[in-house]
Full PDB file with SEQRES, HELIX, SHEET, SSBOND, CRYST1, ORIGX, SCALE, CONECT and MASTER records, all heavy atoms in Angstrom:
SEQRES   1 A   33  LYS ILE GLY THR LYS ASP PRO ILE ALA LEU THR ASP THR          
SEQRES   2 A   33  GLU ILE LEU ALA ILE ARG GLN LEU GLU THR ILE LYS GLN          
SEQRES   3 A   33  LEU GLU VAL ASP ALA PHE LYS                                  
HELIX    1 AA1 ASP A   12  ALA A   31  1                                  20    
CRYST1    1.000    1.000    1.000  90.00  90.00  90.00 P 1           1          
ORIGX1      1.000000  0.000000  0.000000        0.00000                         
ORIGX2      0.000000  1.000000  0.000000        0.00000                         
ORIGX3      0.000000  0.000000  1.000000        0.00000                         
SCALE1      1.000000  0.000000  0.000000        0.00000                         
SCALE2      0.000000  1.000000  0.000000        0.00000                         
SCALE3      0.000000  0.000000  1.000000        0.00000                         
ATOM      1  N   LYS A   1      86.767 117.860 122.967  1.00  0.00           N  
ATOM      2  CA  LYS A   1      87.486 118.750 123.789  1.00  0.00           C  
ATOM      3  C   LYS A   1      87.279 118.241 125.208  1.00  0.00           C  
ATOM      4  O   LYS A   1      86.241 117.800 125.600  1.00  0.00           O  
ATOM      5  CB  LYS A   1      86.901 120.159 123.636  1.00  0.00           C  
ATOM      6  CG  LYS A   1      87.166 120.780 122.334  1.00  0.00           C  
ATOM      7  CD  LYS A   1      86.564 122.185 122.230  1.00  0.00           C  
ATOM      8  CE  LYS A   1      86.695 122.740 120.827  1.00  0.00           C  
ATOM      9  NZ  LYS A   1      85.983 123.959 120.633  1.00  0.00           N  
ATOM     10  N   ILE A   2      88.313 118.375 126.067  1.00  0.00           N  
ATOM     11  CA  ILE A   2      88.243 117.928 127.427  1.00  0.00           C  
ATOM     12  C   ILE A   2      87.172 118.624 128.191  1.00  0.00           C  
ATOM     13  O   ILE A   2      87.092 119.847 128.239  1.00  0.00           O  
ATOM     14  CB  ILE A   2      89.633 118.082 128.107  1.00  0.00           C  
ATOM     15  CG1 ILE A   2      90.667 117.257 127.325  1.00  0.00           C  
ATOM     16  CG2 ILE A   2      89.596 117.645 129.583  1.00  0.00           C  
ATOM     17  CD1 ILE A   2      92.061 117.425 127.810  1.00  0.00           C  
ATOM     18  N   GLY A   3      86.258 117.842 128.830  1.00  0.00           N  
ATOM     19  CA  GLY A   3      85.238 118.399 129.664  1.00  0.00           C  
ATOM     20  C   GLY A   3      84.013 118.853 128.914  1.00  0.00           C  
ATOM     21  O   GLY A   3      83.079 119.372 129.505  1.00  0.00           O  
ATOM     22  N   THR A   4      83.988 118.692 127.597  1.00  0.00           N  
ATOM     23  CA  THR A   4      82.787 119.052 126.824  1.00  0.00           C  
ATOM     24  C   THR A   4      82.327 117.906 125.933  1.00  0.00           C  
ATOM     25  O   THR A   4      82.987 116.883 125.861  1.00  0.00           O  
ATOM     26  CB  THR A   4      83.068 120.328 125.955  1.00  0.00           C  
ATOM     27  OG1 THR A   4      84.020 119.876 124.937  1.00  0.00           O  
ATOM     28  CG2 THR A   4      83.632 121.444 126.694  1.00  0.00           C  
ATOM     29  N   LYS A   5      81.235 118.140 125.278  1.00  0.00           N  
ATOM     30  CA  LYS A   5      80.769 117.171 124.247  1.00  0.00           C  
ATOM     31  C   LYS A   5      80.899 117.688 122.864  1.00  0.00           C  
ATOM     32  O   LYS A   5      80.287 117.210 121.981  1.00  0.00           O  
ATOM     33  CB  LYS A   5      79.324 116.753 124.558  1.00  0.00           C  
ATOM     34  CG  LYS A   5      79.141 116.014 125.820  1.00  0.00           C  
ATOM     35  CD  LYS A   5      77.786 115.425 125.979  1.00  0.00           C  
ATOM     36  CE  LYS A   5      77.732 114.586 127.264  1.00  0.00           C  
ATOM     37  NZ  LYS A   5      76.528 113.773 127.277  1.00  0.00           N  
ATOM     38  N   ASP A   6      81.790 118.712 122.725  1.00  0.00           N  
ATOM     39  CA  ASP A   6      82.008 119.274 121.418  1.00  0.00           C  
ATOM     40  C   ASP A   6      83.173 118.556 120.736  1.00  0.00           C  
ATOM     41  O   ASP A   6      84.308 118.546 121.238  1.00  0.00           O  
ATOM     42  CB  ASP A   6      82.377 120.785 121.508  1.00  0.00           C  
ATOM     43  CG  ASP A   6      81.219 121.586 122.131  1.00  0.00           C  
ATOM     44  OD1 ASP A   6      80.078 121.202 121.865  1.00  0.00           O  
ATOM     45  OD2 ASP A   6      81.491 122.598 122.791  1.00  0.00           O  
ATOM     46  N   PRO A   7      82.920 117.970 119.568  1.00  0.00           N  
ATOM     47  CA  PRO A   7      84.029 117.310 118.821  1.00  0.00           C  
ATOM     48  C   PRO A   7      85.043 118.309 118.327  1.00  0.00           C  
ATOM     49  O   PRO A   7      84.696 119.440 118.013  1.00  0.00           O  
ATOM     50  CB  PRO A   7      83.323 116.651 117.618  1.00  0.00           C  
ATOM     51  CG  PRO A   7      81.878 116.579 118.050  1.00  0.00           C  
ATOM     52  CD  PRO A   7      81.613 117.750 118.961  1.00  0.00           C  
ATOM     53  N   ILE A   8      86.276 117.876 118.305  1.00  0.00           N  
ATOM     54  CA  ILE A   8      87.378 118.735 117.828  1.00  0.00           C  
ATOM     55  C   ILE A   8      87.477 118.592 116.323  1.00  0.00           C  
ATOM     56  O   ILE A   8      87.663 117.474 115.824  1.00  0.00           O  
ATOM     57  CB  ILE A   8      88.717 118.387 118.485  1.00  0.00           C  
ATOM     58  CG1 ILE A   8      88.622 118.554 120.004  1.00  0.00           C  
ATOM     59  CG2 ILE A   8      89.858 119.186 117.943  1.00  0.00           C  
ATOM     60  CD1 ILE A   8      89.891 118.082 120.742  1.00  0.00           C  
ATOM     61  N   ALA A   9      87.430 119.680 115.595  1.00  0.00           N  
ATOM     62  CA  ALA A   9      87.637 119.649 114.174  1.00  0.00           C  
ATOM     63  C   ALA A   9      89.107 119.736 113.870  1.00  0.00           C  
ATOM     64  O   ALA A   9      89.867 120.365 114.548  1.00  0.00           O  
ATOM     65  CB  ALA A   9      86.899 120.851 113.502  1.00  0.00           C  
ATOM     66  N   LEU A  10      89.561 119.006 112.834  1.00  0.00           N  
ATOM     67  CA  LEU A  10      90.934 119.037 112.446  1.00  0.00           C  
ATOM     68  C   LEU A  10      91.238 120.326 111.699  1.00  0.00           C  
ATOM     69  O   LEU A  10      90.353 120.791 110.910  1.00  0.00           O  
ATOM     70  CB  LEU A  10      91.275 117.817 111.571  1.00  0.00           C  
ATOM     71  CG  LEU A  10      91.073 116.433 112.269  1.00  0.00           C  
ATOM     72  CD1 LEU A  10      91.218 115.353 111.194  1.00  0.00           C  
ATOM     73  CD2 LEU A  10      92.109 116.248 113.294  1.00  0.00           C  
ATOM     74  N   THR A  11      92.384 120.814 111.905  1.00  0.00           N  
ATOM     75  CA  THR A  11      92.787 122.065 111.187  1.00  0.00           C  
ATOM     76  C   THR A  11      93.230 121.707 109.747  1.00  0.00           C  
ATOM     77  O   THR A  11      93.489 120.574 109.439  1.00  0.00           O  
ATOM     78  CB  THR A  11      93.924 122.760 111.895  1.00  0.00           C  
ATOM     79  OG1 THR A  11      95.089 121.940 111.890  1.00  0.00           O  
ATOM     80  CG2 THR A  11      93.561 123.107 113.338  1.00  0.00           C  
ATOM     81  N   ASP A  12      93.220 122.747 108.900  1.00  0.00           N  
ATOM     82  CA  ASP A  12      93.676 122.554 107.530  1.00  0.00           C  
ATOM     83  C   ASP A  12      95.117 122.062 107.424  1.00  0.00           C  
ATOM     84  O   ASP A  12      95.459 121.242 106.578  1.00  0.00           O  
ATOM     85  CB  ASP A  12      93.518 123.835 106.761  1.00  0.00           C  
ATOM     86  CG  ASP A  12      92.067 124.254 106.535  1.00  0.00           C  
ATOM     87  OD1 ASP A  12      91.165 123.329 106.625  1.00  0.00           O  
ATOM     88  OD2 ASP A  12      91.759 125.417 106.316  1.00  0.00           O  
ATOM     89  N   THR A  13      95.968 122.546 108.362  1.00  0.00           N  
ATOM     90  CA  THR A  13      97.382 122.073 108.322  1.00  0.00           C  
ATOM     91  C   THR A  13      97.475 120.584 108.697  1.00  0.00           C  
ATOM     92  O   THR A  13      98.327 119.903 108.127  1.00  0.00           O  
ATOM     93  CB  THR A  13      98.194 122.929 109.279  1.00  0.00           C  
ATOM     94  OG1 THR A  13      97.677 122.919 110.602  1.00  0.00           O  
ATOM     95  CG2 THR A  13      98.342 124.353 108.821  1.00  0.00           C  
ATOM     96  N   GLU A  14      96.618 120.064 109.600  1.00  0.00           N  
ATOM     97  CA  GLU A  14      96.674 118.737 109.962  1.00  0.00           C  
ATOM     98  C   GLU A  14      96.239 117.835 108.791  1.00  0.00           C  
ATOM     99  O   GLU A  14      96.790 116.806 108.481  1.00  0.00           O  
ATOM    100  CB  GLU A  14      95.764 118.475 111.167  1.00  0.00           C  
ATOM    101  CG  GLU A  14      96.317 119.022 112.469  1.00  0.00           C  
ATOM    102  CD  GLU A  14      95.314 119.021 113.617  1.00  0.00           C  
ATOM    103  OE1 GLU A  14      94.078 119.027 113.371  1.00  0.00           O  
ATOM    104  OE2 GLU A  14      95.779 118.954 114.791  1.00  0.00           O  
ATOM    105  N   ILE A  15      95.109 118.301 108.140  1.00  0.00           N  
ATOM    106  CA  ILE A  15      94.614 117.535 106.918  1.00  0.00           C  
ATOM    107  C   ILE A  15      95.680 117.564 105.828  1.00  0.00           C  
ATOM    108  O   ILE A  15      95.931 116.478 105.232  1.00  0.00           O  
ATOM    109  CB  ILE A  15      93.308 118.089 106.470  1.00  0.00           C  
ATOM    110  CG1 ILE A  15      92.192 117.980 107.532  1.00  0.00           C  
ATOM    111  CG2 ILE A  15      92.887 117.589 105.108  1.00  0.00           C  
ATOM    112  CD1 ILE A  15      91.868 116.501 107.775  1.00  0.00           C  
ATOM    113  N   LEU A  16      96.308 118.655 105.577  1.00  0.00           N  
ATOM    114  CA  LEU A  16      97.349 118.796 104.552  1.00  0.00           C  
ATOM    115  C   LEU A  16      98.516 117.870 104.926  1.00  0.00           C  
ATOM    116  O   LEU A  16      99.031 117.185 104.041  1.00  0.00           O  
ATOM    117  CB  LEU A  16      97.768 120.198 104.485  1.00  0.00           C  
ATOM    118  CG  LEU A  16      98.875 120.517 103.348  1.00  0.00           C  
ATOM    119  CD1 LEU A  16      98.295 120.196 102.021  1.00  0.00           C  
ATOM    120  CD2 LEU A  16      99.314 121.962 103.448  1.00  0.00           C  
ATOM    121  N   ALA A  17      98.910 117.823 106.176  1.00  0.00           N  
ATOM    122  CA  ALA A  17     100.019 116.928 106.581  1.00  0.00           C  
ATOM    123  C   ALA A  17      99.733 115.458 106.363  1.00  0.00           C  
ATOM    124  O   ALA A  17     100.567 114.741 105.904  1.00  0.00           O  
ATOM    125  CB  ALA A  17     100.362 117.199 108.037  1.00  0.00           C  
ATOM    126  N   ILE A  18      98.466 115.044 106.668  1.00  0.00           N  
ATOM    127  CA  ILE A  18      98.076 113.671 106.413  1.00  0.00           C  
ATOM    128  C   ILE A  18      98.063 113.383 104.941  1.00  0.00           C  
ATOM    129  O   ILE A  18      98.506 112.301 104.472  1.00  0.00           O  
ATOM    130  CB  ILE A  18      96.724 113.351 107.009  1.00  0.00           C  
ATOM    131  CG1 ILE A  18      96.834 113.517 108.555  1.00  0.00           C  
ATOM    132  CG2 ILE A  18      96.165 111.968 106.704  1.00  0.00           C  
ATOM    133  CD1 ILE A  18      95.480 113.493 109.309  1.00  0.00           C  
ATOM    134  N   ARG A  19      97.549 114.307 104.127  1.00  0.00           N  
ATOM    135  CA  ARG A  19      97.509 114.046 102.662  1.00  0.00           C  
ATOM    136  C   ARG A  19      98.931 114.014 102.094  1.00  0.00           C  
ATOM    137  O   ARG A  19      99.215 113.238 101.189  1.00  0.00           O  
ATOM    138  CB  ARG A  19      96.728 115.165 101.966  1.00  0.00           C  
ATOM    139  CG  ARG A  19      95.243 115.079 102.273  1.00  0.00           C  
ATOM    140  CD  ARG A  19      94.426 115.885 101.297  1.00  0.00           C  
ATOM    141  NE  ARG A  19      92.992 115.954 101.670  1.00  0.00           N  
ATOM    142  CZ  ARG A  19      92.079 115.027 101.467  1.00  0.00           C  
ATOM    143  NH1 ARG A  19      92.402 113.929 100.782  1.00  0.00           N  
ATOM    144  NH2 ARG A  19      90.845 115.197 101.806  1.00  0.00           N  
ATOM    145  N   GLN A  20      99.867 114.845 102.602  1.00  0.00           N  
ATOM    146  CA  GLN A  20     101.225 114.814 102.123  1.00  0.00           C  
ATOM    147  C   GLN A  20     101.919 113.518 102.585  1.00  0.00           C  
ATOM    148  O   GLN A  20     102.660 112.902 101.776  1.00  0.00           O  
ATOM    149  CB  GLN A  20     102.023 115.970 102.686  1.00  0.00           C  
ATOM    150  CG  GLN A  20     101.689 117.286 102.032  1.00  0.00           C  
ATOM    151  CD  GLN A  20     102.383 118.427 102.688  1.00  0.00           C  
ATOM    152  OE1 GLN A  20     102.885 118.358 103.775  1.00  0.00           O  
ATOM    153  NE2 GLN A  20     102.399 119.581 101.963  1.00  0.00           N  
ATOM    154  N   LEU A  21     101.596 112.992 103.762  1.00  0.00           N  
ATOM    155  CA  LEU A  21     102.104 111.726 104.237  1.00  0.00           C  
ATOM    156  C   LEU A  21     101.622 110.568 103.314  1.00  0.00           C  
ATOM    157  O   LEU A  21     102.416 109.664 102.891  1.00  0.00           O  
ATOM    158  CB  LEU A  21     101.661 111.441 105.679  1.00  0.00           C  
ATOM    159  CG  LEU A  21     102.084 110.135 106.222  1.00  0.00           C  
ATOM    160  CD1 LEU A  21     103.633 110.041 106.402  1.00  0.00           C  
ATOM    161  CD2 LEU A  21     101.466 109.872 107.570  1.00  0.00           C  
ATOM    162  N   GLU A  22     100.367 110.644 102.885  1.00  0.00           N  
ATOM    163  CA  GLU A  22      99.790 109.626 101.974  1.00  0.00           C  
ATOM    164  C   GLU A  22     100.555 109.683 100.661  1.00  0.00           C  
ATOM    165  O   GLU A  22     100.946 108.624 100.102  1.00  0.00           O  
ATOM    166  CB  GLU A  22      98.329 109.991 101.693  1.00  0.00           C  
ATOM    167  CG  GLU A  22      97.360 109.044 102.263  1.00  0.00           C  
ATOM    168  CD  GLU A  22      95.937 109.345 101.869  1.00  0.00           C  
ATOM    169  OE1 GLU A  22      95.645 110.506 101.528  1.00  0.00           O  
ATOM    170  OE2 GLU A  22      95.151 108.472 101.892  1.00  0.00           O  
ATOM    171  N   THR A  23     100.789 110.865 100.145  1.00  0.00           N  
ATOM    172  CA  THR A  23     101.496 111.005  98.844  1.00  0.00           C  
ATOM    173  C   THR A  23     102.955 110.519  98.940  1.00  0.00           C  
ATOM    174  O   THR A  23     103.373 109.770  98.084  1.00  0.00           O  
ATOM    175  CB  THR A  23     101.529 112.509  98.424  1.00  0.00           C  
ATOM    176  OG1 THR A  23     100.130 112.945  98.371  1.00  0.00           O  
ATOM    177  CG2 THR A  23     102.142 112.680  97.061  1.00  0.00           C  
ATOM    178  N   ILE A  24     103.692 110.878 100.026  1.00  0.00           N  
ATOM    179  CA  ILE A  24     105.056 110.521 100.156  1.00  0.00           C  
ATOM    180  C   ILE A  24     105.135 108.937 100.264  1.00  0.00           C  
ATOM    181  O   ILE A  24     105.990 108.295  99.663  1.00  0.00           O  
ATOM    182  CB  ILE A  24     105.633 111.186 101.357  1.00  0.00           C  
ATOM    183  CG1 ILE A  24     105.852 112.690 101.071  1.00  0.00           C  
ATOM    184  CG2 ILE A  24     107.040 110.557 101.777  1.00  0.00           C  
ATOM    185  CD1 ILE A  24     106.221 113.520 102.252  1.00  0.00           C  
ATOM    186  N   LYS A  25     104.269 108.372 101.118  1.00  0.00           N  
ATOM    187  CA  LYS A  25     104.296 106.880 101.322  1.00  0.00           C  
ATOM    188  C   LYS A  25     103.983 106.166 100.020  1.00  0.00           C  
ATOM    189  O   LYS A  25     104.546 105.134  99.720  1.00  0.00           O  
ATOM    190  CB  LYS A  25     103.338 106.470 102.421  1.00  0.00           C  
ATOM    191  CG  LYS A  25     103.814 106.872 103.842  1.00  0.00           C  
ATOM    192  CD  LYS A  25     105.082 106.144 104.173  1.00  0.00           C  
ATOM    193  CE  LYS A  25     105.510 106.510 105.558  1.00  0.00           C  
ATOM    194  NZ  LYS A  25     106.747 105.881 105.933  1.00  0.00           N  
ATOM    195  N   GLN A  26     103.013 106.732  99.244  1.00  0.00           N  
ATOM    196  CA  GLN A  26     102.653 106.054  97.981  1.00  0.00           C  
ATOM    197  C   GLN A  26     103.829 106.172  96.986  1.00  0.00           C  
ATOM    198  O   GLN A  26     104.093 105.173  96.225  1.00  0.00           O  
ATOM    199  CB  GLN A  26     101.423 106.689  97.355  1.00  0.00           C  
ATOM    200  CG  GLN A  26     100.832 105.944  96.212  1.00  0.00           C  
ATOM    201  CD  GLN A  26     100.382 104.545  96.623  1.00  0.00           C  
ATOM    202  OE1 GLN A  26      99.645 104.358  97.574  1.00  0.00           O  
ATOM    203  NE2 GLN A  26     100.796 103.505  95.930  1.00  0.00           N  
ATOM    204  N   LEU A  27     104.576 107.273  96.991  1.00  0.00           N  
ATOM    205  CA  LEU A  27     105.725 107.400  96.122  1.00  0.00           C  
ATOM    206  C   LEU A  27     106.802 106.372  96.551  1.00  0.00           C  
ATOM    207  O   LEU A  27     107.477 105.831  95.654  1.00  0.00           O  
ATOM    208  CB  LEU A  27     106.276 108.803  96.177  1.00  0.00           C  
ATOM    209  CG  LEU A  27     105.470 109.870  95.441  1.00  0.00           C  
ATOM    210  CD1 LEU A  27     105.998 111.250  95.728  1.00  0.00           C  
ATOM    211  CD2 LEU A  27     105.356 109.630  93.994  1.00  0.00           C  
ATOM    212  N   GLU A  28     106.992 106.122  97.830  1.00  0.00           N  
ATOM    213  CA  GLU A  28     107.923 105.163  98.308  1.00  0.00           C  
ATOM    214  C   GLU A  28     107.555 103.741  97.839  1.00  0.00           C  
ATOM    215  O   GLU A  28     108.419 103.016  97.396  1.00  0.00           O  
ATOM    216  CB  GLU A  28     108.028 105.190  99.834  1.00  0.00           C  
ATOM    217  CG  GLU A  28     108.752 106.330 100.380  1.00  0.00           C  
ATOM    218  CD  GLU A  28     108.740 106.415 101.933  1.00  0.00           C  
ATOM    219  OE1 GLU A  28     108.203 105.464 102.551  1.00  0.00           O  
ATOM    220  OE2 GLU A  28     109.315 107.372 102.438  1.00  0.00           O  
ATOM    221  N   VAL A  29     106.273 103.427  97.924  1.00  0.00           N  
ATOM    222  CA  VAL A  29     105.768 102.098  97.501  1.00  0.00           C  
ATOM    223  C   VAL A  29     105.995 101.968  95.986  1.00  0.00           C  
ATOM    224  O   VAL A  29     106.434 100.952  95.469  1.00  0.00           O  
ATOM    225  CB  VAL A  29     104.288 101.920  97.871  1.00  0.00           C  
ATOM    226  CG1 VAL A  29     103.680 100.729  97.126  1.00  0.00           C  
ATOM    227  CG2 VAL A  29     104.146 101.814  99.359  1.00  0.00           C  
ATOM    228  N   ASP A  30     105.682 103.030  95.218  1.00  0.00           N  
ATOM    229  CA  ASP A  30     105.824 103.005  93.738  1.00  0.00           C  
ATOM    230  C   ASP A  30     107.294 102.827  93.335  1.00  0.00           C  
ATOM    231  O   ASP A  30     107.562 102.227  92.299  1.00  0.00           O  
ATOM    232  CB  ASP A  30     105.202 104.220  93.108  1.00  0.00           C  
ATOM    233  CG  ASP A  30     103.688 104.301  93.269  1.00  0.00           C  
ATOM    234  OD1 ASP A  30     103.113 103.250  93.537  1.00  0.00           O  
ATOM    235  OD2 ASP A  30     103.141 105.387  93.073  1.00  0.00           O  
ATOM    236  N   ALA A  31     108.187 103.384  94.182  1.00  0.00           N  
ATOM    237  CA  ALA A  31     109.649 103.268  93.827  1.00  0.00           C  
ATOM    238  C   ALA A  31     110.088 101.803  93.886  1.00  0.00           C  
ATOM    239  O   ALA A  31     110.982 101.409  93.169  1.00  0.00           O  
ATOM    240  CB  ALA A  31     110.462 104.091  94.768  1.00  0.00           C  
ATOM    241  N   PHE A  32     109.452 100.994  94.787  1.00  0.00           N  
ATOM    242  CA  PHE A  32     109.863  99.639  94.952  1.00  0.00           C  
ATOM    243  C   PHE A  32     109.185  98.668  93.862  1.00  0.00           C  
ATOM    244  O   PHE A  32     109.561  97.553  93.766  1.00  0.00           O  
ATOM    245  CB  PHE A  32     109.576  99.040  96.327  1.00  0.00           C  
ATOM    246  CG  PHE A  32     110.576  99.521  97.277  1.00  0.00           C  
ATOM    247  CD1 PHE A  32     110.312 100.525  98.205  1.00  0.00           C  
ATOM    248  CD2 PHE A  32     111.813  98.926  97.362  1.00  0.00           C  
ATOM    249  CE1 PHE A  32     111.244 100.943  99.156  1.00  0.00           C  
ATOM    250  CE2 PHE A  32     112.793  99.300  98.264  1.00  0.00           C  
ATOM    251  CZ  PHE A  32     112.487 100.351  99.178  1.00  0.00           C  
ATOM    252  N   LYS A  33     108.262  99.222  93.103  1.00  0.00           N  
ATOM    253  CA  LYS A  33     107.665  98.368  92.055  1.00  0.00           C  
ATOM    254  C   LYS A  33     108.609  98.160  90.886  1.00  0.00           C  
ATOM    255  O   LYS A  33     108.541  97.134  90.209  1.00  0.00           O  
ATOM    256  CB  LYS A  33     106.411  99.090  91.482  1.00  0.00           C  
ATOM    257  CG  LYS A  33     105.268  99.033  92.442  1.00  0.00           C  
ATOM    258  CD  LYS A  33     104.062  99.691  91.844  1.00  0.00           C  
ATOM    259  CE  LYS A  33     102.903  99.784  92.822  1.00  0.00           C  
ATOM    260  NZ  LYS A  33     101.773 100.590  92.246  1.00  0.00           N  
TER     261      LYS A  33                                                      
MASTER        0    0    0    1    0    0    0    6  260    1    0    3          
END                                                                             
């Protein structure tokens, strides 16, 4: 966080979005196999 030494935790929605991106990209790669 700006001005502190406290690390910012990621929210559940951010983690879910990254996991969905992983899944979608893997499906795209699998489609080209």
